[in-house]
Amino acid sequence: KQAFVESLDQNINLIRAYLPKENFVCEELTIGNMTKTRVAILY
């Protein structure tokens, strides 16, 4: 009964709780000329 929130770090923490593996990769980018939004590629 868990759902994501508006924090990227907390959301990745919730995913890592299900996938505690060293080959779970999180690549972070910054997108948006004004908003400078953090975006993570997960695989």
PDB file of all heavy atoms in Angstrom:
ATOM      1  N   LYS A   1       0.833  -1.210   0.000  1.00  0.00           N
ATOM      2  CA  LYS A   1       0.000   0.000   0.000  1.00  0.00           C
ATOM      3  C   LYS A   1       0.865   1.256   0.000  1.00  0.00           C
ATOM      4  O   LYS A   1       0.609   2.204   0.718  1.00  0.00           O
ATOM      5  CB  LYS A   1      -0.905   0.020   1.235  1.00  0.00           C
ATOM      6  CG  LYS A   1      -1.753  -1.220   1.420  1.00  0.00           C
ATOM      7  CD  LYS A   1      -2.758  -1.408   0.285  1.00  0.00           C
ATOM      8  CE  LYS A   1      -3.621  -2.630   0.521  1.00  0.00           C
ATOM      9  NZ  LYS A   1      -4.538  -2.890  -0.600  1.00  0.00           N
ATOM     10  N   GLN A   2       1.901   1.279  -0.813  1.00  0.00           N
ATOM     11  CA  GLN A   2       2.786   2.434  -0.891  1.00  0.00           C
ATOM     12  C   GLN A   2       2.635   3.108  -2.245  1.00  0.00           C
ATOM     13  O   GLN A   2       2.459   2.439  -3.268  1.00  0.00           O
ATOM     14  CB  GLN A   2       4.248   2.026  -0.690  1.00  0.00           C
ATOM     15  CG  GLN A   2       4.586   1.579   0.720  1.00  0.00           C
ATOM     16  CD  GLN A   2       6.032   1.155   0.830  1.00  0.00           C
ATOM     17  OE1 GLN A   2       6.578   0.527  -0.069  1.00  0.00           O
ATOM     18  NE2 GLN A   2       6.670   1.502   1.934  1.00  0.00           N
ATOM     19  N   ALA A   3       2.724   4.421  -2.245  1.00  0.00           N
ATOM     20  CA  ALA A   3       2.658   5.195  -3.482  1.00  0.00           C
ATOM     21  C   ALA A   3       3.796   6.208  -3.499  1.00  0.00           C
ATOM     22  O   ALA A   3       4.315   6.602  -2.444  1.00  0.00           O
ATOM     23  CB  ALA A   3       1.314   5.912  -3.606  1.00  0.00           C
ATOM     24  N   PHE A   4       4.186   6.621  -4.689  1.00  0.00           N
ATOM     25  CA  PHE A   4       5.235   7.617  -4.835  1.00  0.00           C
ATOM     26  C   PHE A   4       4.775   8.973  -4.303  1.00  0.00           C
ATOM     27  O   PHE A   4       3.578   9.251  -4.206  1.00  0.00           O
ATOM     28  CB  PHE A   4       5.634   7.767  -6.301  1.00  0.00           C
ATOM     29  CG  PHE A   4       6.371   6.585  -6.857  1.00  0.00           C
ATOM     30  CD1 PHE A   4       5.890   5.906  -7.974  1.00  0.00           C
ATOM     31  CD2 PHE A   4       7.546   6.142  -6.286  1.00  0.00           C
ATOM     32  CE1 PHE A   4       6.562   4.823  -8.495  1.00  0.00           C
ATOM     33  CE2 PHE A   4       8.233   5.053  -6.794  1.00  0.00           C
ATOM     34  CZ  PHE A   4       7.733   4.391  -7.898  1.00  0.00           C
ATOM     35  N   VAL A   5       5.757   9.819  -3.968  1.00  0.00           N
ATOM     36  CA  VAL A   5       5.499  11.184  -3.524  1.00  0.00           C
ATOM     37  C   VAL A   5       6.205  12.127  -4.497  1.00  0.00           C
ATOM     38  O   VAL A   5       6.693  11.706  -5.545  1.00  0.00           O
ATOM     39  CB  VAL A   5       5.977  11.406  -2.078  1.00  0.00           C
ATOM     40  CG1 VAL A   5       5.161  10.568  -1.119  1.00  0.00           C
ATOM     41  CG2 VAL A   5       7.462  11.083  -1.926  1.00  0.00           C
ATOM     42  N   GLU A   6       6.272  13.415  -4.154  1.00  0.00           N
ATOM     43  CA  GLU A   6       6.855  14.403  -5.060  1.00  0.00           C
ATOM     44  C   GLU A   6       8.349  14.604  -4.871  1.00  0.00           C
ATOM     45  O   GLU A   6       8.906  15.587  -5.350  1.00  0.00           O
ATOM     46  CB  GLU A   6       6.137  15.746  -4.885  1.00  0.00           C
ATOM     47  CG  GLU A   6       4.731  15.796  -5.460  1.00  0.00           C
ATOM     48  CD  GLU A   6       3.697  15.092  -4.621  1.00  0.00           C
ATOM     49  OE1 GLU A   6       4.014  14.771  -3.436  1.00  0.00           O
ATOM     50  OE2 GLU A   6       2.592  14.846  -5.096  1.00  0.00           O
ATOM     51  N   SER A   7       9.026  13.690  -4.212  1.00  0.00           N
ATOM     52  CA  SER A   7      10.469  13.781  -4.000  1.00  0.00           C
ATOM     53  C   SER A   7      11.169  12.691  -4.791  1.00  0.00           C
ATOM     54  O   SER A   7      10.875  11.500  -4.615  1.00  0.00           O
ATOM     55  CB  SER A   7      10.804  13.655  -2.510  1.00  0.00           C
ATOM     56  OG  SER A   7      12.194  13.530  -2.310  1.00  0.00           O
ATOM     57  N   LEU A   8      12.083  13.066  -5.678  1.00  0.00           N
ATOM     58  CA  LEU A   8      12.787  12.085  -6.493  1.00  0.00           C
ATOM     59  C   LEU A   8      13.615  11.146  -5.635  1.00  0.00           C
ATOM     60  O   LEU A   8      13.608   9.925  -5.854  1.00  0.00           O
ATOM     61  CB  LEU A   8      13.672  12.815  -7.511  1.00  0.00           C
ATOM     62  CG  LEU A   8      14.529  11.927  -8.413  1.00  0.00           C
ATOM     63  CD1 LEU A   8      13.658  11.027  -9.274  1.00  0.00           C
ATOM     64  CD2 LEU A   8      15.447  12.773  -9.292  1.00  0.00           C
ATOM     65  N   ASP A   9      14.345  11.686  -4.658  1.00  0.00           N
ATOM     66  CA  ASP A   9      15.184  10.847  -3.812  1.00  0.00           C
ATOM     67  C   ASP A   9      14.358   9.830  -3.034  1.00  0.00           C
ATOM     68  O   ASP A   9      14.739   8.662  -2.911  1.00  0.00           O
ATOM     69  CB  ASP A   9      15.976  11.724  -2.839  1.00  0.00           C
ATOM     70  CG  ASP A   9      16.956  12.638  -3.565  1.00  0.00           C
ATOM     71  OD1 ASP A   9      17.421  12.248  -4.649  1.00  0.00           O
ATOM     72  OD2 ASP A   9      17.231  13.729  -3.055  1.00  0.00           O
ATOM     73  N   GLN A  10      13.220  10.259  -2.518  1.00  0.00           N
ATOM     74  CA  GLN A  10      12.379   9.347  -1.760  1.00  0.00           C
ATOM     75  C   GLN A  10      11.766   8.281  -2.668  1.00  0.00           C
ATOM     76  O   GLN A  10      11.627   7.118  -2.275  1.00  0.00           O
ATOM     77  CB  GLN A  10      11.273  10.129  -1.042  1.00  0.00           C
ATOM     78  CG  GLN A  10      10.549   9.336   0.029  1.00  0.00           C
ATOM     79  CD  GLN A  10       9.709  10.232   0.926  1.00  0.00           C
ATOM     80  OE1 GLN A  10       9.778  11.444   0.833  1.00  0.00           O
ATOM     81  NE2 GLN A  10       8.919   9.627   1.791  1.00  0.00           N
ATOM     82  N   ASN A  11      11.407   8.659  -3.890  1.00  0.00           N
ATOM     83  CA  ASN A  11      10.844   7.683  -4.820  1.00  0.00           C
ATOM     84  C   ASN A  11      11.862   6.616  -5.202  1.00  0.00           C
ATOM     85  O   ASN A  11      11.534   5.428  -5.286  1.00  0.00           O
ATOM     86  CB  ASN A  11      10.326   8.396  -6.070  1.00  0.00           C
ATOM     87  CG  ASN A  11       9.104   9.241  -5.775  1.00  0.00           C
ATOM     88  OD1 ASN A  11       8.431   9.057  -4.768  1.00  0.00           O
ATOM     89  ND2 ASN A  11       8.808  10.174  -6.665  1.00  0.00           N
ATOM     90  N   ILE A  12      13.103   7.032  -5.437  1.00  0.00           N
ATOM     91  CA  ILE A  12      14.147   6.052  -5.759  1.00  0.00           C
ATOM     92  C   ILE A  12      14.411   5.154  -4.566  1.00  0.00           C
ATOM     93  O   ILE A  12      14.667   3.948  -4.709  1.00  0.00           O
ATOM     94  CB  ILE A  12      15.423   6.790  -6.208  1.00  0.00           C
ATOM     95  CG1 ILE A  12      15.161   7.538  -7.516  1.00  0.00           C
ATOM     96  CG2 ILE A  12      16.578   5.814  -6.377  1.00  0.00           C
ATOM     97  CD1 ILE A  12      16.315   8.376  -7.992  1.00  0.00           C
ATOM     98  N   ASN A  13      14.333   5.726  -3.354  1.00  0.00           N
ATOM     99  CA  ASN A  13      14.477   4.919  -2.139  1.00  0.00           C
ATOM    100  C   ASN A  13      13.410   3.832  -2.075  1.00  0.00           C
ATOM    101  O   ASN A  13      13.695   2.679  -1.698  1.00  0.00           O
ATOM    102  CB  ASN A  13      14.410   5.836  -0.917  1.00  0.00           C
ATOM    103  CG  ASN A  13      14.498   5.073   0.385  1.00  0.00           C
ATOM    104  OD1 ASN A  13      13.513   4.519   0.869  1.00  0.00           O
ATOM    105  ND2 ASN A  13      15.679   5.043   0.964  1.00  0.00           N
ATOM    106  N   LEU A  14      12.170   4.170  -2.439  1.00  0.00           N
ATOM    107  CA  LEU A  14      11.085   3.187  -2.414  1.00  0.00           C
ATOM    108  C   LEU A  14      11.321   2.079  -3.432  1.00  0.00           C
ATOM    109  O   LEU A  14      11.021   0.904  -3.165  1.00  0.00           O
ATOM    110  CB  LEU A  14       9.748   3.882  -2.706  1.00  0.00           C
ATOM    111  CG  LEU A  14       9.229   4.856  -1.639  1.00  0.00           C
ATOM    112  CD1 LEU A  14       7.994   5.593  -2.142  1.00  0.00           C
ATOM    113  CD2 LEU A  14       8.899   4.111  -0.353  1.00  0.00           C
ATOM    114  N   ILE A  15      11.874   2.437  -4.591  1.00  0.00           N
ATOM    115  CA  ILE A  15      12.146   1.413  -5.604  1.00  0.00           C
ATOM    116  C   ILE A  15      13.299   0.517  -5.171  1.00  0.00           C
ATOM    117  O   ILE A  15      13.259  -0.703  -5.335  1.00  0.00           O
ATOM    118  CB  ILE A  15      12.448   2.082  -6.960  1.00  0.00           C
ATOM    119  CG1 ILE A  15      11.248   2.912  -7.423  1.00  0.00           C
ATOM    120  CG2 ILE A  15      12.795   1.032  -8.011  1.00  0.00           C
ATOM    121  CD1 ILE A  15      11.525   3.749  -8.659  1.00  0.00           C
ATOM    122  N   ARG A  16      14.341   1.119  -4.602  1.00  0.00           N
ATOM    123  CA  ARG A  16      15.498   0.328  -4.168  1.00  0.00           C
ATOM    124  C   ARG A  16      15.135  -0.647  -3.053  1.00  0.00           C
ATOM    125  O   ARG A  16      15.800  -1.675  -2.883  1.00  0.00           O
ATOM    126  CB  ARG A  16      16.623   1.254  -3.697  1.00  0.00           C
ATOM    127  CG  ARG A  16      17.371   1.945  -4.834  1.00  0.00           C
ATOM    128  CD  ARG A  16      18.649   2.586  -4.358  1.00  0.00           C
ATOM    129  NE  ARG A  16      19.384   3.220  -5.436  1.00  0.00           N
ATOM    130  CZ  ARG A  16      20.224   2.581  -6.243  1.00  0.00           C
ATOM    131  NH1 ARG A  16      20.429   1.283  -6.069  1.00  0.00           N
ATOM    132  NH2 ARG A  16      20.853   3.236  -7.204  1.00  0.00           N
ATOM    133  N   ALA A  17      14.107  -0.343  -2.292  1.00  0.00           N
ATOM    134  CA  ALA A  17      13.668  -1.274  -1.256  1.00  0.00           C
ATOM    135  C   ALA A  17      13.198  -2.598  -1.864  1.00  0.00           C
ATOM    136  O   ALA A  17      13.329  -3.657  -1.243  1.00  0.00           O
ATOM    137  CB  ALA A  17      12.536  -0.648  -0.437  1.00  0.00           C
ATOM    138  N   TYR A  18      12.661  -2.550  -3.095  1.00  0.00           N
ATOM    139  CA  TYR A  18      12.226  -3.772  -3.783  1.00  0.00           C
ATOM    140  C   TYR A  18      13.345  -4.385  -4.612  1.00  0.00           C
ATOM    141  O   TYR A  18      13.283  -5.582  -4.936  1.00  0.00           O
ATOM    142  CB  TYR A  18      11.036  -3.453  -4.706  1.00  0.00           C
ATOM    143  CG  TYR A  18       9.759  -3.151  -3.971  1.00  0.00           C
ATOM    144  CD1 TYR A  18       9.346  -1.834  -3.778  1.00  0.00           C
ATOM    145  CD2 TYR A  18       8.958  -4.165  -3.463  1.00  0.00           C
ATOM    146  CE1 TYR A  18       8.172  -1.543  -3.105  1.00  0.00           C
ATOM    147  CE2 TYR A  18       7.782  -3.887  -2.796  1.00  0.00           C
ATOM    148  CZ  TYR A  18       7.399  -2.574  -2.613  1.00  0.00           C
ATOM    149  OH  TYR A  18       6.233  -2.290  -1.937  1.00  0.00           O
ATOM    150  N   LEU A  19      14.344  -3.597  -4.990  1.00  0.00           N
ATOM    151  CA  LEU A  19      15.439  -4.085  -5.837  1.00  0.00           C
ATOM    152  C   LEU A  19      16.785  -3.788  -5.178  1.00  0.00           C
ATOM    153  O   LEU A  19      17.536  -2.912  -5.631  1.00  0.00           O
ATOM    154  CB  LEU A  19      15.379  -3.432  -7.221  1.00  0.00           C
ATOM    155  CG  LEU A  19      14.148  -3.748  -8.080  1.00  0.00           C
ATOM    156  CD1 LEU A  19      14.137  -2.881  -9.331  1.00  0.00           C
ATOM    157  CD2 LEU A  19      14.097  -5.224  -8.450  1.00  0.00           C
ATOM    158  N   PRO A  20      17.124  -4.471  -4.089  1.00  0.00           N
ATOM    159  CA  PRO A  20      18.418  -4.220  -3.429  1.00  0.00           C
ATOM    160  C   PRO A  20      19.558  -4.930  -4.152  1.00  0.00           C
ATOM    161  O   PRO A  20      20.200  -5.836  -3.623  1.00  0.00           O
ATOM    162  CB  PRO A  20      18.181  -4.797  -2.022  1.00  0.00           C
ATOM    163  CG  PRO A  20      17.197  -5.899  -2.235  1.00  0.00           C
ATOM    164  CD  PRO A  20      16.319  -5.484  -3.379  1.00  0.00           C
ATOM    165  N   LYS A  21      19.821  -4.517  -5.378  1.00  0.00           N
ATOM    166  CA  LYS A  21      20.862  -5.141  -6.190  1.00  0.00           C
ATOM    167  C   LYS A  21      21.867  -4.089  -6.634  1.00  0.00           C
ATOM    168  O   LYS A  21      21.504  -2.936  -6.894  1.00  0.00           O
ATOM    169  CB  LYS A  21      20.250  -5.829  -7.414  1.00  0.00           C
ATOM    170  CG  LYS A  21      19.392  -7.048  -7.089  1.00  0.00           C
ATOM    171  CD  LYS A  21      18.885  -7.705  -8.341  1.00  0.00           C
ATOM    172  CE  LYS A  21      19.992  -8.313  -9.174  1.00  0.00           C
ATOM    173  NZ  LYS A  21      20.693  -9.423  -8.507  1.00  0.00           N
ATOM    174  N   GLU A  22      23.113  -4.512  -6.750  1.00  0.00           N
ATOM    175  CA  GLU A  22      24.164  -3.575  -7.115  1.00  0.00           C
ATOM    176  C   GLU A  22      24.087  -3.161  -8.586  1.00  0.00           C
ATOM    177  O   GLU A  22      24.641  -2.120  -8.964  1.00  0.00           O
ATOM    178  CB  GLU A  22      25.546  -4.181  -6.829  1.00  0.00           C
ATOM    179  CG  GLU A  22      25.910  -5.386  -7.678  1.00  0.00           C
ATOM    180  CD  GLU A  22      25.285  -6.685  -7.186  1.00  0.00           C
ATOM    181  OE1 GLU A  22      24.584  -6.641  -6.147  1.00  0.00           O
ATOM    182  OE2 GLU A  22      25.502  -7.728  -7.823  1.00  0.00           O
ATOM    183  N   ASN A  23      23.404  -3.943  -9.426  1.00  0.00           N
ATOM    184  CA  ASN A  23      23.302  -3.574 -10.840  1.00  0.00           C
ATOM    185  C   ASN A  23      22.059  -2.751 -11.152  1.00  0.00           C
ATOM    186  O   ASN A  23      21.727  -2.551 -12.317  1.00  0.00           O
ATOM    187  CB  ASN A  23      23.341  -4.824 -11.726  1.00  0.00           C
ATOM    188  CG  ASN A  23      22.219  -5.805 -11.410  1.00  0.00           C
ATOM    189  OD1 ASN A  23      21.619  -5.747 -10.342  1.00  0.00           O
ATOM    190  ND2 ASN A  23      21.946  -6.700 -12.330  1.00  0.00           N
ATOM    191  N   PHE A  24      21.352  -2.304 -10.117  1.00  0.00           N
ATOM    192  CA  PHE A  24      20.258  -1.358 -10.316  1.00  0.00           C
ATOM    193  C   PHE A  24      20.871   0.034 -10.467  1.00  0.00           C
ATOM    194  O   PHE A  24      21.446   0.569  -9.533  1.00  0.00           O
ATOM    195  CB  PHE A  24      19.282  -1.412  -9.142  1.00  0.00           C
ATOM    196  CG  PHE A  24      18.207  -0.347  -9.200  1.00  0.00           C
ATOM    197  CD1 PHE A  24      17.560  -0.060 -10.379  1.00  0.00           C
ATOM    198  CD2 PHE A  24      17.863   0.362  -8.063  1.00  0.00           C
ATOM    199  CE1 PHE A  24      16.581   0.918 -10.428  1.00  0.00           C
ATOM    200  CE2 PHE A  24      16.886   1.339  -8.095  1.00  0.00           C
ATOM    201  CZ  PHE A  24      16.240   1.624  -9.293  1.00  0.00           C
ATOM    202  N   VAL A  25      20.736   0.616 -11.659  1.00  0.00           N
ATOM    203  CA  VAL A  25      21.429   1.852 -12.006  1.00  0.00           C
ATOM    204  C   VAL A  25      20.442   3.005 -12.058  1.00  0.00           C
ATOM    205  O   VAL A  25      19.315   2.860 -12.538  1.00  0.00           O
ATOM    206  CB  VAL A  25      22.154   1.727 -13.370  1.00  0.00           C
ATOM    207  CG1 VAL A  25      22.898   3.013 -13.712  1.00  0.00           C
ATOM    208  CG2 VAL A  25      23.111   0.541 -13.349  1.00  0.00           C
ATOM    209  N   CYS A  26      20.882   4.143 -11.547  1.00  0.00           N
ATOM    210  CA  CYS A  26      20.080   5.373 -11.564  1.00  0.00           C
ATOM    211  C   CYS A  26      20.943   6.478 -12.161  1.00  0.00           C
ATOM    212  O   CYS A  26      21.892   6.940 -11.522  1.00  0.00           O
ATOM    213  CB  CYS A  26      19.612   5.728 -10.148  1.00  0.00           C
ATOM    214  SG  CYS A  26      18.834   7.344 -10.025  1.00  0.00           S
ATOM    215  N   GLU A  27      20.630   6.898 -13.390  1.00  0.00           N
ATOM    216  CA  GLU A  27      21.343   7.986 -14.058  1.00  0.00           C
ATOM    217  C   GLU A  27      20.511   9.257 -13.950  1.00  0.00           C
ATOM    218  O   GLU A  27      19.343   9.258 -14.309  1.00  0.00           O
ATOM    219  CB  GLU A  27      21.579   7.659 -15.530  1.00  0.00           C
ATOM    220  CG  GLU A  27      22.514   6.501 -15.774  1.00  0.00           C
ATOM    221  CD  GLU A  27      22.762   6.294 -17.259  1.00  0.00           C
ATOM    222  OE1 GLU A  27      22.452   7.216 -18.049  1.00  0.00           O
ATOM    223  OE2 GLU A  27      23.258   5.214 -17.630  1.00  0.00           O
ATOM    224  N   GLU A  28      21.108  10.343 -13.491  1.00  0.00           N
ATOM    225  CA  GLU A  28      20.363  11.576 -13.265  1.00  0.00           C
ATOM    226  C   GLU A  28      20.733  12.637 -14.304  1.00  0.00           C
ATOM    227  O   GLU A  28      21.910  12.823 -14.627  1.00  0.00           O
ATOM    228  CB  GLU A  28      20.623  12.108 -11.859  1.00  0.00           C
ATOM    229  CG  GLU A  28      19.713  13.266 -11.482  1.00  0.00           C
ATOM    230  CD  GLU A  28      19.812  13.619 -10.010  1.00  0.00           C
ATOM    231  OE1 GLU A  28      19.869  12.693  -9.174  1.00  0.00           O
ATOM    232  OE2 GLU A  28      19.842  14.824  -9.701  1.00  0.00           O
ATOM    233  N   LEU A  29      19.704  13.309 -14.819  1.00  0.00           N
ATOM    234  CA  LEU A  29      19.867  14.414 -15.754  1.00  0.00           C
ATOM    235  C   LEU A  29      19.109  15.631 -15.229  1.00  0.00           C
ATOM    236  O   LEU A  29      18.277  15.504 -14.334  1.00  0.00           O
ATOM    237  CB  LEU A  29      19.326  14.040 -17.142  1.00  0.00           C
ATOM    238  CG  LEU A  29      19.875  12.774 -17.817  1.00  0.00           C
ATOM    239  CD1 LEU A  29      19.068  12.476 -19.067  1.00  0.00           C
ATOM    240  CD2 LEU A  29      21.335  12.947 -18.157  1.00  0.00           C
ATOM    241  N   THR A  30      19.403  16.784 -15.800  1.00  0.00           N
ATOM    242  CA  THR A  30      18.669  18.009 -15.490  1.00  0.00           C
ATOM    243  C   THR A  30      18.040  18.518 -16.782  1.00  0.00           C
ATOM    244  O   THR A  30      18.744  18.781 -17.754  1.00  0.00           O
ATOM    245  CB  THR A  30      19.594  19.079 -14.893  1.00  0.00           C
ATOM    246  OG1 THR A  30      20.199  18.568 -13.698  1.00  0.00           O
ATOM    247  CG2 THR A  30      18.794  20.327 -14.548  1.00  0.00           C
ATOM    248  N   ILE A  31      16.705  18.652 -16.774  1.00  0.00           N
ATOM    249  CA  ILE A  31      15.950  19.008 -17.975  1.00  0.00           C
ATOM    250  C   ILE A  31      15.039  20.186 -17.652  1.00  0.00           C
ATOM    251  O   ILE A  31      14.498  20.275 -16.548  1.00  0.00           O
ATOM    252  CB  ILE A  31      15.118  17.818 -18.482  1.00  0.00           C
ATOM    253  CG1 ILE A  31      16.038  16.641 -18.822  1.00  0.00           C
ATOM    254  CG2 ILE A  31      14.288  18.190 -19.691  1.00  0.00           C
ATOM    255  CD1 ILE A  31      15.304  15.390 -19.217  1.00  0.00           C
ATOM    256  N   GLY A  32      14.870  21.076 -18.613  1.00  0.00           N
ATOM    257  CA  GLY A  32      14.006  22.235 -18.432  1.00  0.00           C
ATOM    258  C   GLY A  32      14.827  23.500 -18.326  1.00  0.00           C
ATOM    259  O   GLY A  32      15.570  23.685 -17.354  1.00  0.00           O
ATOM    260  N   ASN A  33      14.719  24.381 -19.301  1.00  0.00           N
ATOM    261  CA  ASN A  33      15.527  25.592 -19.307  1.00  0.00           C
ATOM    262  C   ASN A  33      15.210  26.510 -18.130  1.00  0.00           C
ATOM    263  O   ASN A  33      16.087  27.228 -17.639  1.00  0.00           O
ATOM    264  CB  ASN A  33      15.308  26.351 -20.624  1.00  0.00           C
ATOM    265  CG  ASN A  33      15.704  25.528 -21.836  1.00  0.00           C
ATOM    266  OD1 ASN A  33      16.588  24.674 -21.736  1.00  0.00           O
ATOM    267  ND2 ASN A  33      15.053  25.753 -22.957  1.00  0.00           N
ATOM    268  N   MET A  34      13.956  26.476 -17.672  1.00  0.00           N
ATOM    269  CA  MET A  34      13.566  27.320 -16.549  1.00  0.00           C
ATOM    270  C   MET A  34      13.406  26.530 -15.258  1.00  0.00           C
ATOM    271  O   MET A  34      13.800  26.994 -14.191  1.00  0.00           O
ATOM    272  CB  MET A  34      12.259  28.057 -16.874  1.00  0.00           C
ATOM    273  CG  MET A  34      12.363  29.050 -18.021  1.00  0.00           C
ATOM    274  SD  MET A  34      10.832  29.952 -18.298  1.00  0.00           S
ATOM    275  CE  MET A  34      10.717  30.894 -16.769  1.00  0.00           C
ATOM    276  N   THR A  35      12.814  25.348 -15.348  1.00  0.00           N
ATOM    277  CA  THR A  35      12.512  24.588 -14.131  1.00  0.00           C
ATOM    278  C   THR A  35      13.718  23.828 -13.589  1.00  0.00           C
ATOM    279  O   THR A  35      13.758  23.514 -12.398  1.00  0.00           O
ATOM    280  CB  THR A  35      11.380  23.598 -14.408  1.00  0.00           C
ATOM    281  OG1 THR A  35      11.747  22.759 -15.522  1.00  0.00           O
ATOM    282  CG2 THR A  35      10.090  24.329 -14.730  1.00  0.00           C
ATOM    283  N   LYS A  36      14.697  23.495 -14.472  1.00  0.00           N
ATOM    284  CA  LYS A  36      15.881  22.724 -14.043  1.00  0.00           C
ATOM    285  C   LYS A  36      15.455  21.486 -13.257  1.00  0.00           C
ATOM    286  O   LYS A  36      15.881  21.239 -12.126  1.00  0.00           O
ATOM    287  CB  LYS A  36      16.814  23.593 -13.191  1.00  0.00           C
ATOM    288  CG  LYS A  36      17.300  24.867 -13.866  1.00  0.00           C
ATOM    289  CD  LYS A  36      18.132  24.571 -15.095  1.00  0.00           C
ATOM    290  CE  LYS A  36      18.642  25.840 -15.753  1.00  0.00           C
ATOM    291  NZ  LYS A  36      19.412  25.558 -16.976  1.00  0.00           N
ATOM    292  N   THR A  37      14.608  20.688 -13.878  1.00  0.00           N
ATOM    293  CA  THR A  37      14.019  19.525 -13.224  1.00  0.00           C
ATOM    294  C   THR A  37      14.976  18.344 -13.243  1.00  0.00           C
ATOM    295  O   THR A  37      15.568  18.020 -14.279  1.00  0.00           O
ATOM    296  CB  THR A  37      12.707  19.136 -13.920  1.00  0.00           C
ATOM    297  OG1 THR A  37      11.855  20.279 -13.963  1.00  0.00           O
ATOM    298  CG2 THR A  37      12.003  18.023 -13.178  1.00  0.00           C
ATOM    299  N   ARG A  38      15.114  17.698 -12.115  1.00  0.00           N
ATOM    300  CA  ARG A  38      15.933  16.485 -12.015  1.00  0.00           C
ATOM    301  C   ARG A  38      15.137  15.298 -12.558  1.00  0.00           C
ATOM    302  O   ARG A  38      13.999  15.056 -12.162  1.00  0.00           O
ATOM    303  CB  ARG A  38      16.341  16.216 -10.576  1.00  0.00           C
ATOM    304  CG  ARG A  38      17.232  17.286  -9.974  1.00  0.00           C
ATOM    305  CD  ARG A  38      17.337  17.088  -8.473  1.00  0.00           C
ATOM    306  NE  ARG A  38      17.870  15.783  -8.132  1.00  0.00           N
ATOM    307  CZ  ARG A  38      17.610  15.143  -6.983  1.00  0.00           C
ATOM    308  NH1 ARG A  38      16.810  15.694  -6.086  1.00  0.00           N
ATOM    309  NH2 ARG A  38      18.132  13.957  -6.739  1.00  0.00           N
ATOM    310  N   VAL A  39      15.763  14.571 -13.469  1.00  0.00           N
ATOM    311  CA  VAL A  39      15.136  13.401 -14.071  1.00  0.00           C
ATOM    312  C   VAL A  39      16.108  12.234 -13.953  1.00  0.00           C
ATOM    313  O   VAL A  39      17.305  12.383 -14.223  1.00  0.00           O
ATOM    314  CB  VAL A  39      14.777  13.651 -15.553  1.00  0.00           C
ATOM    315  CG1 VAL A  39      14.170  12.407 -16.177  1.00  0.00           C
ATOM    316  CG2 VAL A  39      13.815  14.820 -15.681  1.00  0.00           C
ATOM    317  N   ALA A  40      15.587  11.077 -13.544  1.00  0.00           N
ATOM    318  CA  ALA A  40      16.427   9.896 -13.350  1.00  0.00           C
ATOM    319  C   ALA A  40      16.011   8.798 -14.316  1.00  0.00           C
ATOM    320  O   ALA A  40      14.819   8.513 -14.478  1.00  0.00           O
ATOM    321  CB  ALA A  40      16.328   9.397 -11.917  1.00  0.00           C
ATOM    322  N   ILE A  41      17.007   8.187 -14.972  1.00  0.00           N
ATOM    323  CA  ILE A  41      16.791   7.014 -15.821  1.00  0.00           C
ATOM    324  C   ILE A  41      17.102   5.783 -14.977  1.00  0.00           C
ATOM    325  O   ILE A  41      18.205   5.655 -14.438  1.00  0.00           O
ATOM    326  CB  ILE A  41      17.685   7.056 -17.071  1.00  0.00           C
ATOM    327  CG1 ILE A  41      17.474   8.357 -17.845  1.00  0.00           C
ATOM    328  CG2 ILE A  41      17.415   5.853 -17.968  1.00  0.00           C
ATOM    329  CD1 ILE A  41      18.455   8.528 -18.996  1.00  0.00           C
ATOM    330  N   LEU A  42      16.146   4.885 -14.869  1.00  0.00           N
ATOM    331  CA  LEU A  42      16.270   3.708 -14.008  1.00  0.00           C
ATOM    332  C   LEU A  42      16.303   2.447 -14.869  1.00  0.00           C
ATOM    333  O   LEU A  42      15.466   2.288 -15.765  1.00  0.00           O
ATOM    334  CB  LEU A  42      15.102   3.638 -13.022  1.00  0.00           C
ATOM    335  CG  LEU A  42      14.780   4.926 -12.253  1.00  0.00           C
ATOM    336  CD1 LEU A  42      13.519   4.734 -11.432  1.00  0.00           C
ATOM    337  CD2 LEU A  42      15.939   5.326 -11.360  1.00  0.00           C
ATOM    338  N   TYR A  43      17.234   1.566 -14.588  1.00  0.00           N
ATOM    339  CA  TYR A  43      17.295   0.287 -15.302  1.00  0.00           C
ATOM    340  C   TYR A  43      18.190  -0.671 -14.527  1.00  0.00           C
ATOM    341  O   TYR A  43      18.922  -0.270 -13.611  1.00  0.00           O
ATOM    342  CB  TYR A  43      17.817   0.474 -16.734  1.00  0.00           C
ATOM    343  CG  TYR A  43      19.211   1.058 -16.821  1.00  0.00           C
ATOM    344  CD1 TYR A  43      20.334   0.237 -16.871  1.00  0.00           C
ATOM    345  CD2 TYR A  43      19.410   2.435 -16.871  1.00  0.00           C
ATOM    346  CE1 TYR A  43      21.616   0.762 -16.961  1.00  0.00           C
ATOM    347  CE2 TYR A  43      20.678   2.973 -16.963  1.00  0.00           C
ATOM    348  CZ  TYR A  43      21.780   2.135 -17.008  1.00  0.00           C
ATOM    349  OH  TYR A  43      23.042   2.670 -17.081  1.00  0.00           O
TER     350      TYR A  43
END
